[in-house]
PDB file of N, CA and C in Angstrom:
ATOM      1  N   MET A   1      -1.530 -18.982 -30.151  1.00  0.00           N
ATOM      2  CA  MET A   1      -0.809 -19.943 -29.662  1.00  0.00           C
ATOM      3  C   MET A   1      -0.343 -19.947 -28.141  1.00  0.00           C
ATOM      4  N   SER A   2      -0.607 -18.978 -27.547  1.00  0.00           N
ATOM      5  CA  SER A   2      -0.348 -18.781 -26.145  1.00  0.00           C
ATOM      6  C   SER A   2      -1.408 -19.355 -25.569  1.00  0.00           C
ATOM      7  N   ASN A   3      -1.061 -20.060 -24.289  1.00  0.00           N
ATOM      8  CA  ASN A   3      -1.971 -20.694 -23.693  1.00  0.00           C
ATOM      9  C   ASN A   3      -2.201 -19.982 -22.399  1.00  0.00           C
ATOM     10  N   GLN A   4      -1.752 -18.897 -22.206  1.00  0.00           N
ATOM     11  CA  GLN A   4      -2.095 -17.622 -20.966  1.00  0.00           C
ATOM     12  C   GLN A   4      -3.302 -17.441 -20.640  1.00  0.00           C
ATOM     13  N   THR A   5      -3.673 -17.438 -19.392  1.00  0.00           N
ATOM     14  CA  THR A   5      -4.749 -16.861 -18.624  1.00  0.00           C
ATOM     15  C   THR A   5      -4.655 -15.278 -19.284  1.00  0.00           C
ATOM     16  N   PRO A   6      -5.845 -14.671 -18.883  1.00  0.00           N
ATOM     17  CA  PRO A   6      -5.674 -13.210 -19.142  1.00  0.00           C
ATOM     18  C   PRO A   6      -4.867 -12.660 -17.888  1.00  0.00           C
ATOM     19  N   ALA A   7      -4.981 -13.214 -16.659  1.00  0.00           N
ATOM     20  CA  ALA A   7      -3.885 -12.629 -15.864  1.00  0.00           C
ATOM     21  C   ALA A   7      -2.625 -12.895 -15.932  1.00  0.00           C
ATOM     22  N   GLU A   8      -2.219 -14.004 -16.523  1.00  0.00           N
ATOM     23  CA  GLU A   8      -0.981 -14.239 -16.965  1.00  0.00           C
ATOM     24  C   GLU A   8      -0.430 -13.280 -18.177  1.00  0.00           C
ATOM     25  N   THR A   9      -1.382 -13.048 -18.735  1.00  0.00           N
ATOM     26  CA  THR A   9      -1.041 -11.985 -20.214  1.00  0.00           C
ATOM     27  C   THR A   9      -0.543 -10.918 -19.488  1.00  0.00           C
ATOM     28  N   GLU A  10      -1.453 -10.266 -18.614  1.00  0.00           N
ATOM     29  CA  GLU A  10      -1.301  -9.140 -17.894  1.00  0.00           C
ATOM     30  C   GLU A  10       0.263  -9.051 -17.071  1.00  0.00           C
ATOM     31  N   LEU A  11       0.469 -10.022 -16.580  1.00  0.00           N
ATOM     32  CA  LEU A  11       1.654 -10.502 -15.996  1.00  0.00           C
ATOM     33  C   LEU A  11       2.866 -10.379 -16.697  1.00  0.00           C
ATOM     34  N   ALA A  12       2.585 -11.180 -17.805  1.00  0.00           N
ATOM     35  CA  ALA A  12       3.708 -11.253 -18.813  1.00  0.00           C
ATOM     36  C   ALA A  12       4.267  -9.787 -19.468  1.00  0.00           C
ATOM     37  N   GLU A  13       3.021  -9.060 -19.788  1.00  0.00           N
ATOM     38  CA  GLU A  13       3.573  -7.585 -20.031  1.00  0.00           C
ATOM     39  C   GLU A  13       4.099  -6.894 -19.109  1.00  0.00           C
ATOM     40  N   LEU A  14       3.656  -6.979 -17.667  1.00  0.00           N
ATOM     41  CA  LEU A  14       4.507  -6.321 -16.620  1.00  0.00           C
ATOM     42  C   LEU A  14       6.161  -6.690 -16.542  1.00  0.00           C
ATOM     43  N   ILE A  15       6.136  -7.938 -16.696  1.00  0.00           N
ATOM     44  CA  ILE A  15       7.641  -8.647 -16.731  1.00  0.00           C
ATOM     45  C   ILE A  15       8.394  -7.966 -17.823  1.00  0.00           C
ATOM     46  N   VAL A  16       7.904  -7.837 -19.172  1.00  0.00           N
ATOM     47  CA  VAL A  16       8.375  -7.823 -20.324  1.00  0.00           C
ATOM     48  C   VAL A  16       8.663  -6.028 -20.280  1.00  0.00           C
ATOM     49  N   GLU A  17       7.913  -5.380 -19.906  1.00  0.00           N
ATOM     50  CA  GLU A  17       7.950  -3.652 -19.334  1.00  0.00           C
ATOM     51  C   GLU A  17       8.893  -3.499 -18.511  1.00  0.00           C
ATOM     52  N   SER A  18       8.868  -4.030 -17.162  1.00  0.00           N
ATOM     53  CA  SER A  18       9.497  -3.715 -16.233  1.00  0.00           C
ATOM     54  C   SER A  18      11.103  -4.435 -16.175  1.00  0.00           C
ATOM     55  N   LEU A  19      11.272  -5.364 -17.114  1.00  0.00           N
ATOM     56  CA  LEU A  19      12.730  -5.770 -17.112  1.00  0.00           C
ATOM     57  C   LEU A  19      13.296  -5.107 -18.383  1.00  0.00           C
ATOM     58  N   ASN A  20      12.439  -4.602 -19.396  1.00  0.00           N
ATOM     59  CA  ASN A  20      13.093  -3.922 -20.665  1.00  0.00           C
ATOM     60  C   ASN A  20      13.730  -5.278 -21.391  1.00  0.00           C
ATOM     61  N   LEU A  21      12.586  -6.424 -21.451  1.00  0.00           N
ATOM     62  CA  LEU A  21      13.082  -7.581 -22.341  1.00  0.00           C
ATOM     63  C   LEU A  21      13.335  -7.296 -23.613  1.00  0.00           C
ATOM     64  N   GLU A  22      14.367  -7.352 -24.238  1.00  0.00           N
ATOM     65  CA  GLU A  22      14.533  -6.972 -25.778  1.00  0.00           C
ATOM     66  C   GLU A  22      13.994  -8.281 -26.487  1.00  0.00           C
ATOM     67  N   GLY A  23      13.208  -7.980 -27.524  1.00  0.00           N
ATOM     68  CA  GLY A  23      12.773  -9.289 -28.175  1.00  0.00           C
ATOM     69  C   GLY A  23      11.947 -10.195 -27.637  1.00  0.00           C
ATOM     70  N   VAL A  24      11.621 -10.113 -26.616  1.00  0.00           N
ATOM     71  CA  VAL A  24      10.525 -11.075 -25.861  1.00  0.00           C
ATOM     72  C   VAL A  24       8.961 -10.315 -26.157  1.00  0.00           C
ATOM     73  N   ALA A  25       8.174 -11.120 -26.386  1.00  0.00           N
ATOM     74  CA  ALA A  25       6.616 -10.703 -26.778  1.00  0.00           C
ATOM     75  C   ALA A  25       6.237 -11.239 -25.434  1.00  0.00           C
ATOM     76  N   PRO A  26       5.463 -10.651 -24.776  1.00  0.00           N
ATOM     77  CA  PRO A  26       4.706 -11.466 -23.951  1.00  0.00           C
ATOM     78  C   PRO A  26       3.844 -12.671 -24.014  1.00  0.00           C
ATOM     79  N   ALA A  27       3.251 -12.740 -25.161  1.00  0.00           N
ATOM     80  CA  ALA A  27       2.530 -13.694 -25.183  1.00  0.00           C
ATOM     81  C   ALA A  27       3.476 -15.113 -25.837  1.00  0.00           C
ATOM     82  N   ASP A  28       4.712 -14.647 -25.985  1.00  0.00           N
ATOM     83  CA  ASP A  28       5.642 -15.533 -26.198  1.00  0.00           C
ATOM     84  C   ASP A  28       6.287 -16.242 -24.906  1.00  0.00           C
ATOM     85  N   ILE A  29       5.923 -15.758 -23.705  1.00  0.00           N
ATOM     86  CA  ILE A  29       6.216 -16.322 -22.347  1.00  0.00           C
ATOM     87  C   ILE A  29       5.370 -17.355 -21.850  1.00  0.00           C
ATOM     88  N   ASP A  30       5.952 -18.829 -21.993  1.00  0.00           N
ATOM     89  CA  ASP A  30       5.228 -20.230 -21.859  1.00  0.00           C
ATOM     90  C   ASP A  30       4.862 -19.774 -20.237  1.00  0.00           C
ATOM     91  N   PRO A  31       3.544 -20.261 -19.841  1.00  0.00           N
ATOM     92  CA  PRO A  31       3.285 -19.982 -18.542  1.00  0.00           C
ATOM     93  C   PRO A  31       3.913 -21.265 -17.835  1.00  0.00           C
ATOM     94  N   GLU A  32       4.184 -22.436 -18.406  1.00  0.00           N
ATOM     95  CA  GLU A  32       4.817 -23.384 -17.606  1.00  0.00           C
ATOM     96  C   GLU A  32       6.314 -23.313 -17.461  1.00  0.00           C
ATOM     97  N   ALA A  33       6.643 -22.499 -18.248  1.00  0.00           N
ATOM     98  CA  ALA A  33       8.473 -22.542 -18.570  1.00  0.00           C
ATOM     99  C   ALA A  33       9.029 -21.843 -17.269  1.00  0.00           C
ATOM    100  N   PRO A  34      10.228 -22.253 -16.815  1.00  0.00           N
ATOM    101  CA  PRO A  34      10.821 -21.408 -15.706  1.00  0.00           C
ATOM    102  C   PRO A  34      11.215 -20.020 -16.107  1.00  0.00           C
ATOM    103  N   LEU A  35      11.031 -19.150 -15.203  1.00  0.00           N
ATOM    104  CA  LEU A  35      11.445 -17.661 -15.373  1.00  0.00           C
ATOM    105  C   LEU A  35      12.809 -17.628 -15.343  1.00  0.00           C
ATOM    106  N   PHE A  36      13.585 -18.129 -14.574  1.00  0.00           N
ATOM    107  CA  PHE A  36      14.858 -18.073 -14.353  1.00  0.00           C
ATOM    108  C   PHE A  36      15.769 -19.343 -14.881  1.00  0.00           C
ATOM    109  N   GLY A  37      17.065 -19.003 -15.019  1.00  0.00           N
ATOM    110  CA  GLY A  37      17.760 -19.938 -15.799  1.00  0.00           C
ATOM    111  C   GLY A  37      17.582 -20.290 -17.183  1.00  0.00           C
ATOM    112  N   ASP A  38      17.446 -21.350 -17.467  1.00  0.00           N
ATOM    113  CA  ASP A  38      17.174 -22.007 -18.736  1.00  0.00           C
ATOM    114  C   ASP A  38      15.749 -21.543 -19.447  1.00  0.00           C
ATOM    115  N   GLY A  39      14.566 -21.111 -18.836  1.00  0.00           N
ATOM    116  CA  GLY A  39      13.422 -20.557 -19.248  1.00  0.00           C
ATOM    117  C   GLY A  39      13.671 -19.377 -19.807  1.00  0.00           C
ATOM    118  N   LEU A  40      13.297 -18.061 -19.037  1.00  0.00           N
ATOM    119  CA  LEU A  40      13.463 -17.022 -19.528  1.00  0.00           C
ATOM    120  C   LEU A  40      14.489 -16.345 -19.431  1.00  0.00           C
ATOM    121  N   GLY A  41      15.540 -16.827 -18.588  1.00  0.00           N
ATOM    122  CA  GLY A  41      16.741 -16.642 -18.083  1.00  0.00           C
ATOM    123  C   GLY A  41      16.787 -15.400 -17.345  1.00  0.00           C
ATOM    124  N   LEU A  42      16.141 -15.106 -16.392  1.00  0.00           N
ATOM    125  CA  LEU A  42      16.031 -14.119 -15.465  1.00  0.00           C
ATOM    126  C   LEU A  42      17.016 -14.356 -14.309  1.00  0.00           C
ATOM    127  N   ASP A  43      17.599 -13.134 -13.579  1.00  0.00           N
ATOM    128  CA  ASP A  43      18.487 -13.618 -12.804  1.00  0.00           C
ATOM    129  C   ASP A  43      18.142 -12.666 -11.151  1.00  0.00           C
ATOM    130  N   SER A  44      18.727 -12.843 -10.393  1.00  0.00           N
ATOM    131  CA  SER A  44      18.128 -12.293  -8.894  1.00  0.00           C
ATOM    132  C   SER A  44      18.099 -10.707  -9.328  1.00  0.00           C
ATOM    133  N   ILE A  45      18.854 -10.033  -9.908  1.00  0.00           N
ATOM    134  CA  ILE A  45      18.509  -8.690  -9.938  1.00  0.00           C
ATOM    135  C   ILE A  45      16.889  -8.475 -10.812  1.00  0.00           C
ATOM    136  N   ASP A  46      16.788  -9.164 -11.698  1.00  0.00           N
ATOM    137  CA  ASP A  46      15.561  -9.109 -12.071  1.00  0.00           C
ATOM    138  C   ASP A  46      14.403  -9.477 -11.420  1.00  0.00           C
ATOM    139  N   ALA A  47      14.511 -10.507 -10.151  1.00  0.00           N
ATOM    140  CA  ALA A  47      13.765 -10.725  -9.406  1.00  0.00           C
ATOM    141  C   ALA A  47      13.127  -9.688  -8.666  1.00  0.00           C
ATOM    142  N   LEU A  48      14.426  -8.635  -8.219  1.00  0.00           N
ATOM    143  CA  LEU A  48      13.932  -7.506  -7.376  1.00  0.00           C
ATOM    144  C   LEU A  48      13.375  -6.560  -8.017  1.00  0.00           C
ATOM    145  N   GLU A  49      13.458  -6.454  -9.368  1.00  0.00           N
ATOM    146  CA  GLU A  49      12.752  -5.402 -10.083  1.00  0.00           C
ATOM    147  C   GLU A  49      11.333  -5.835 -10.325  1.00  0.00           C
ATOM    148  N   LEU A  50      11.340  -7.167 -10.435  1.00  0.00           N
ATOM    149  CA  LEU A  50       9.940  -7.618 -10.800  1.00  0.00           C
ATOM    150  C   LEU A  50       8.870  -7.445  -9.485  1.00  0.00           C
ATOM    151  N   ALA A  51       9.739  -7.837  -8.391  1.00  0.00           N
ATOM    152  CA  ALA A  51       8.885  -7.822  -7.258  1.00  0.00           C
ATOM    153  C   ALA A  51       8.603  -6.573  -6.796  1.00  0.00           C
ATOM    154  N   LEU A  52       9.298  -5.486  -7.168  1.00  0.00           N
ATOM    155  CA  LEU A  52       8.977  -3.998  -7.166  1.00  0.00           C
ATOM    156  C   LEU A  52       7.717  -3.706  -7.940  1.00  0.00           C
ATOM    157  N   ALA A  53       8.155  -4.023  -9.163  1.00  0.00           N
ATOM    158  CA  ALA A  53       6.828  -3.811 -10.271  1.00  0.00           C
ATOM    159  C   ALA A  53       5.530  -4.375  -9.600  1.00  0.00           C
ATOM    160  N   ILE A  54       5.420  -5.353  -9.316  1.00  0.00           N
ATOM    161  CA  ILE A  54       4.439  -6.428  -8.771  1.00  0.00           C
ATOM    162  C   ILE A  54       3.773  -5.483  -7.929  1.00  0.00           C
ATOM    163  N   SER A  55       4.671  -5.036  -6.619  1.00  0.00           N
ATOM    164  CA  SER A  55       4.077  -4.438  -5.277  1.00  0.00           C
ATOM    165  C   SER A  55       3.358  -2.865  -5.936  1.00  0.00           C
ATOM    166  N   LYS A  56       3.974  -2.265  -6.762  1.00  0.00           N
ATOM    167  CA  LYS A  56       3.473  -1.161  -7.462  1.00  0.00           C
ATOM    168  C   LYS A  56       2.022  -1.362  -7.981  1.00  0.00           C
ATOM    169  N   ARG A  57       2.275  -2.448  -8.587  1.00  0.00           N
ATOM    170  CA  ARG A  57       0.892  -2.771  -9.751  1.00  0.00           C
ATOM    171  C   ARG A  57      -0.105  -3.314  -8.745  1.00  0.00           C
ATOM    172  N   TYR A  58       0.139  -4.135  -8.025  1.00  0.00           N
ATOM    173  CA  TYR A  58      -0.694  -5.128  -7.439  1.00  0.00           C
ATOM    174  C   TYR A  58      -1.239  -4.890  -5.911  1.00  0.00           C
ATOM    175  N   GLY A  59      -0.275  -4.108  -5.399  1.00  0.00           N
ATOM    176  CA  GLY A  59      -0.621  -3.507  -3.848  1.00  0.00           C
ATOM    177  C   GLY A  59      -0.168  -4.853  -2.814  1.00  0.00           C
ATOM    178  N   PHE A  60       0.904  -5.524  -3.283  1.00  0.00           N
ATOM    179  CA  PHE A  60       1.307  -6.237  -2.070  1.00  0.00           C
ATOM    180  C   PHE A  60       2.744  -6.420  -1.994  1.00  0.00           C
ATOM    181  N   GLN A  61       3.335  -6.942  -1.078  1.00  0.00           N
ATOM    182  CA  GLN A  61       4.801  -6.951  -1.178  1.00  0.00           C
ATOM    183  C   GLN A  61       4.954  -8.627  -1.346  1.00  0.00           C
ATOM    184  N   LEU A  62       6.286  -8.637  -2.171  1.00  0.00           N
ATOM    185  CA  LEU A  62       6.999 -10.059  -2.263  1.00  0.00           C
ATOM    186  C   LEU A  62       8.209  -9.591  -1.445  1.00  0.00           C
ATOM    187  N   ARG A  63       8.383 -10.636  -0.388  1.00  0.00           N
ATOM    188  CA  ARG A  63       9.379 -10.530   0.577  1.00  0.00           C
ATOM    189  C   ARG A  63      10.624 -11.517  -0.027  1.00  0.00           C
ATOM    190  N   SER A  64      11.563 -10.361  -0.092  1.00  0.00           N
ATOM    191  CA  SER A  64      12.751 -11.237  -0.484  1.00  0.00           C
ATOM    192  C   SER A  64      13.465 -12.403   0.227  1.00  0.00           C
ATOM    193  N   ASP A  65      13.056 -12.556   1.436  1.00  0.00           N
ATOM    194  CA  ASP A  65      13.663 -13.460   2.388  1.00  0.00           C
ATOM    195  C   ASP A  65      12.345 -14.757   2.437  1.00  0.00           C
ATOM    196  N   SER A  66      11.565 -14.761   1.758  1.00  0.00           N
ATOM    197  CA  SER A  66      10.636 -15.874   1.854  1.00  0.00           C
ATOM    198  C   SER A  66      11.099 -17.074   1.056  1.00  0.00           C
ATOM    199  N   ASP A  67      10.822 -18.119   1.853  1.00  0.00           N
ATOM    200  CA  ASP A  67      11.194 -19.489   1.414  1.00  0.00           C
ATOM    201  C   ASP A  67      10.261 -19.860   0.360  1.00  0.00           C
ATOM    202  N   GLU A  68       9.193 -19.141   0.003  1.00  0.00           N
ATOM    203  CA  GLU A  68       8.291 -19.352  -0.909  1.00  0.00           C
ATOM    204  C   GLU A  68       8.802 -18.872  -2.290  1.00  0.00           C
ATOM    205  N   ASN A  69       9.695 -18.055  -2.329  1.00  0.00           N
ATOM    206  CA  ASN A  69      10.113 -17.239  -3.602  1.00  0.00           C
ATOM    207  C   ASN A  69      10.431 -18.176  -4.673  1.00  0.00           C
ATOM    208  N   ARG A  70      11.154 -19.379  -4.318  1.00  0.00           N
ATOM    209  CA  ARG A  70      11.643 -20.246  -5.551  1.00  0.00           C
ATOM    210  C   ARG A  70      10.330 -20.754  -6.205  1.00  0.00           C
ATOM    211  N   ARG A  71       9.440 -21.159  -5.431  1.00  0.00           N
ATOM    212  CA  ARG A  71       8.122 -21.628  -6.071  1.00  0.00           C
ATOM    213  C   ARG A  71       7.288 -20.452  -6.595  1.00  0.00           C
ATOM    214  N   ILE A  72       7.297 -19.281  -6.037  1.00  0.00           N
ATOM    215  CA  ILE A  72       6.463 -18.207  -6.480  1.00  0.00           C
ATOM    216  C   ILE A  72       6.814 -17.938  -8.008  1.00  0.00           C
ATOM    217  N   PHE A  73       8.330 -17.518  -8.188  1.00  0.00           N
ATOM    218  CA  PHE A  73       9.074 -17.357  -9.283  1.00  0.00           C
ATOM    219  C   PHE A  73       9.164 -18.348 -10.125  1.00  0.00           C
ATOM    220  N   GLY A  74       8.759 -19.404  -9.835  1.00  0.00           N
ATOM    221  CA  GLY A  74       8.953 -20.554 -10.745  1.00  0.00           C
ATOM    222  C   GLY A  74       8.555 -20.670 -12.148  1.00  0.00           C
ATOM    223  N   SER A  75       7.598 -19.908 -12.346  1.00  0.00           N
ATOM    224  CA  SER A  75       6.931 -19.702 -13.755  1.00  0.00           C
ATOM    225  C   SER A  75       6.185 -18.902 -13.794  1.00  0.00           C
ATOM    226  N   LEU A  76       5.478 -18.380 -14.855  1.00  0.00           N
ATOM    227  CA  LEU A  76       4.561 -17.403 -15.034  1.00  0.00           C
ATOM    228  C   LEU A  76       3.205 -17.853 -14.609  1.00  0.00           C
ATOM    229  N   ARG A  77       3.099 -19.030 -14.696  1.00  0.00           N
ATOM    230  CA  ARG A  77       1.706 -19.465 -14.084  1.00  0.00           C
ATOM    231  C   ARG A  77       1.672 -19.548 -12.530  1.00  0.00           C
ATOM    232  N   ALA A  78       2.779 -19.820 -11.871  1.00  0.00           N
ATOM    233  CA  ALA A  78       2.841 -19.825 -10.335  1.00  0.00           C
ATOM    234  C   ALA A  78       3.014 -18.427  -9.677  1.00  0.00           C
ATOM    235  N   LEU A  79       3.596 -17.644 -10.577  1.00  0.00           N
ATOM    236  CA  LEU A  79       3.643 -16.171 -10.149  1.00  0.00           C
ATOM    237  C   LEU A  79       2.147 -15.733 -10.339  1.00  0.00           C
ATOM    238  N   GLY A  80       1.390 -15.737 -11.505  1.00  0.00           N
ATOM    239  CA  GLY A  80       0.164 -15.428 -11.592  1.00  0.00           C
ATOM    240  C   GLY A  80      -0.843 -15.734 -10.512  1.00  0.00           C
ATOM    241  N   GLU A  81      -0.742 -17.110 -10.402  1.00  0.00           N
ATOM    242  CA  GLU A  81      -1.530 -17.595  -9.320  1.00  0.00           C
ATOM    243  C   GLU A  81      -1.344 -16.931  -7.919  1.00  0.00           C
ATOM    244  N   HIS A  82       0.073 -16.682  -7.609  1.00  0.00           N
ATOM    245  CA  HIS A  82       0.348 -15.842  -6.347  1.00  0.00           C
ATOM    246  C   HIS A  82      -0.339 -14.309  -6.303  1.00  0.00           C
ATOM    247  N   VAL A  83       0.124 -13.770  -7.366  1.00  0.00           N
ATOM    248  CA  VAL A  83      -0.750 -12.475  -7.594  1.00  0.00           C
ATOM    249  C   VAL A  83      -2.305 -12.489  -7.532  1.00  0.00           C
ATOM    250  N   GLN A  84      -2.843 -13.397  -8.120  1.00  0.00           N
ATOM    251  CA  GLN A  84      -4.336 -13.228  -8.111  1.00  0.00           C
ATOM    252  C   GLN A  84      -4.876 -13.698  -6.519  1.00  0.00           C
ATOM    253  N   ALA A  85      -4.217 -14.472  -5.950  1.00  0.00           N
ATOM    254  CA  ALA A  85      -4.367 -14.923  -4.565  1.00  0.00           C
ATOM    255  C   ALA A  85      -4.102 -13.586  -3.687  1.00  0.00           C
ATOM    256  N   ASN A  86      -3.373 -12.756  -3.867  1.00  0.00           N
ATOM    257  CA  ASN A  86      -2.864 -11.703  -2.922  1.00  0.00           C
ATOM    258  C   ASN A  86      -3.130 -10.348  -3.265  1.00  0.00           C
ATOM    259  N   ARG A  87      -3.272  -9.976  -4.564  1.00  0.00           N
ATOM    260  CA  ARG A  87      -3.757  -8.832  -5.035  1.00  0.00           C
ATOM    261  C   ARG A  87      -4.647  -8.004  -4.218  1.00  0.00           C
ATOM    262  N   THR A  88      -4.167  -6.747  -3.955  1.00  0.00           N
ATOM    263  CA  THR A  88      -5.136  -5.895  -3.246  1.00  0.00           C
ATOM    264  C   THR A  88      -5.753  -4.705  -4.413  1.00  0.00           C
ATOM    265  N   ALA A  89      -4.980  -4.745  -5.266  1.00  0.00           N
ATOM    266  CA  ALA A  89      -5.300  -3.518  -6.297  1.00  0.00           C
ATOM    267  C   ALA A  89      -6.160  -4.063  -7.563  1.00  0.00           C
TER     268      ALA A  89
END
């Protein structure tokens, strides 16, 4: 049922693990759905934790003051594309 790419699936697993999302299966995260607000319902604290987990796993920093963050964290797909473009690990 999931239309996630392998990279998105890996990232979805990281999101669920690092944020301890109860009752959310990584495969159930729609790659196009918003991660914040009405979509997955994440908040700014989740964003900080997720940015930390991404930097540990993929070897690059997501800057909290970046104007791009709204786009980068817009959906699993957008985040996955950003990770793939910037990962060093």
